[in-house]
Amino acid sequence: KQAEKAVHQKKEQSKTKCRKARRRHINLVAEFNRRQRKNIWLETHIWHAKRFHMVKKWGYCLGNSPTEKSYRACYRAMTKHCLLQDLSYYCCLELTGKENELLKQLTRICSIDTGLTFEEACYLSGGFEGSLNLYRADRYPEDMLGPVTFIWKPRDGSEKRQLWIWMHPALKQDILRELKAIFQCSEPEEIGIPEPVTTSGQEGNEINVVLSPGKKRKKDDKEGEKAVPVKKIIGDGTRDPFQSYSWISRTTGITISDRTMEILRYRLIGPLSHSVLTETLKAASLQTV
């Protein structure tokens, strides 16, 4: 009787995996994807998480202050070498359409009294990045939306132009609503919305576990190749992953696309910034077909 009682009262084995199992690549990626459901990580998150106190702001997990006394090192890099900052949490909106139509409506949300605007020749060429303050349509000097930076894509001979506008995530929703209103972009463009985050460990129907005596278990997919989990970042901290991220206007022909977390942004500060860029980036050879 005591033995039967012990069997019924036997506790279930703990489902917590050992550290070696948790540190496997497939399990690490699954855990990272799970932890990014509420607060999006930047591409440099792992590096910052080991060296900074992290804070959760604007839907992102950002490094706030270093854990070590590195202020002197940062100051030395800014004054004598190069310091890099990750600004990928800044939001990017892409406007695509005819140049005349873009400038016609953009003049309603800015003013030449505050400085150079979108239609300045040096900015239209695509060689320089501009900055200005945006206001609600025809409301200057009242109802300011906030400061933004922008850059035009260089002309390629066609009528259509592309304009990228960068803004702080706290200003994104207000500026996006104002742009959609002045360009009359109310219809979501038909673009396939990505599926939720999945890993190879969760796709039970598509993976077969192959067991062979004397060998470790291997997870194979349909094509027989070794299944490798993929790190997927869907959406961003300011947008739900299942919402539309592109809108088009049938009357003006303008398309507004949300490119947040699709275009990374870094800031280099210091006298050797250009030297670091020239040593890092290599010009690609153009091949014409």
Foldseek 3Di string as FASTA:
>chain_A
DVVVVCVVVPDDDDPDDDPVVCPDQQNVLVVVQVVLPQAHEAPCRVVLVVFADWDGPLRHIDGDGGPDPCPVVQVCCQAANKDKDWPLQWWKKKKKDFPVLVVVLQCQFFDCVFPDDCPDPVQQQQPDKAKGWTAAGNPPPPHTLGIKIKGWDHDDPDRMTMMMITGHSVRVVVVVVRVCVSQVFDAFDDDDQDDRADWPVPPVVFWDWDDDPPDDIFIAGPVRDGGDTDNDDADHRNDDSPDGAKTADPPRGMIMGICRSVDIDMDMHHPCRVVVVVVPDDDDDDDDD
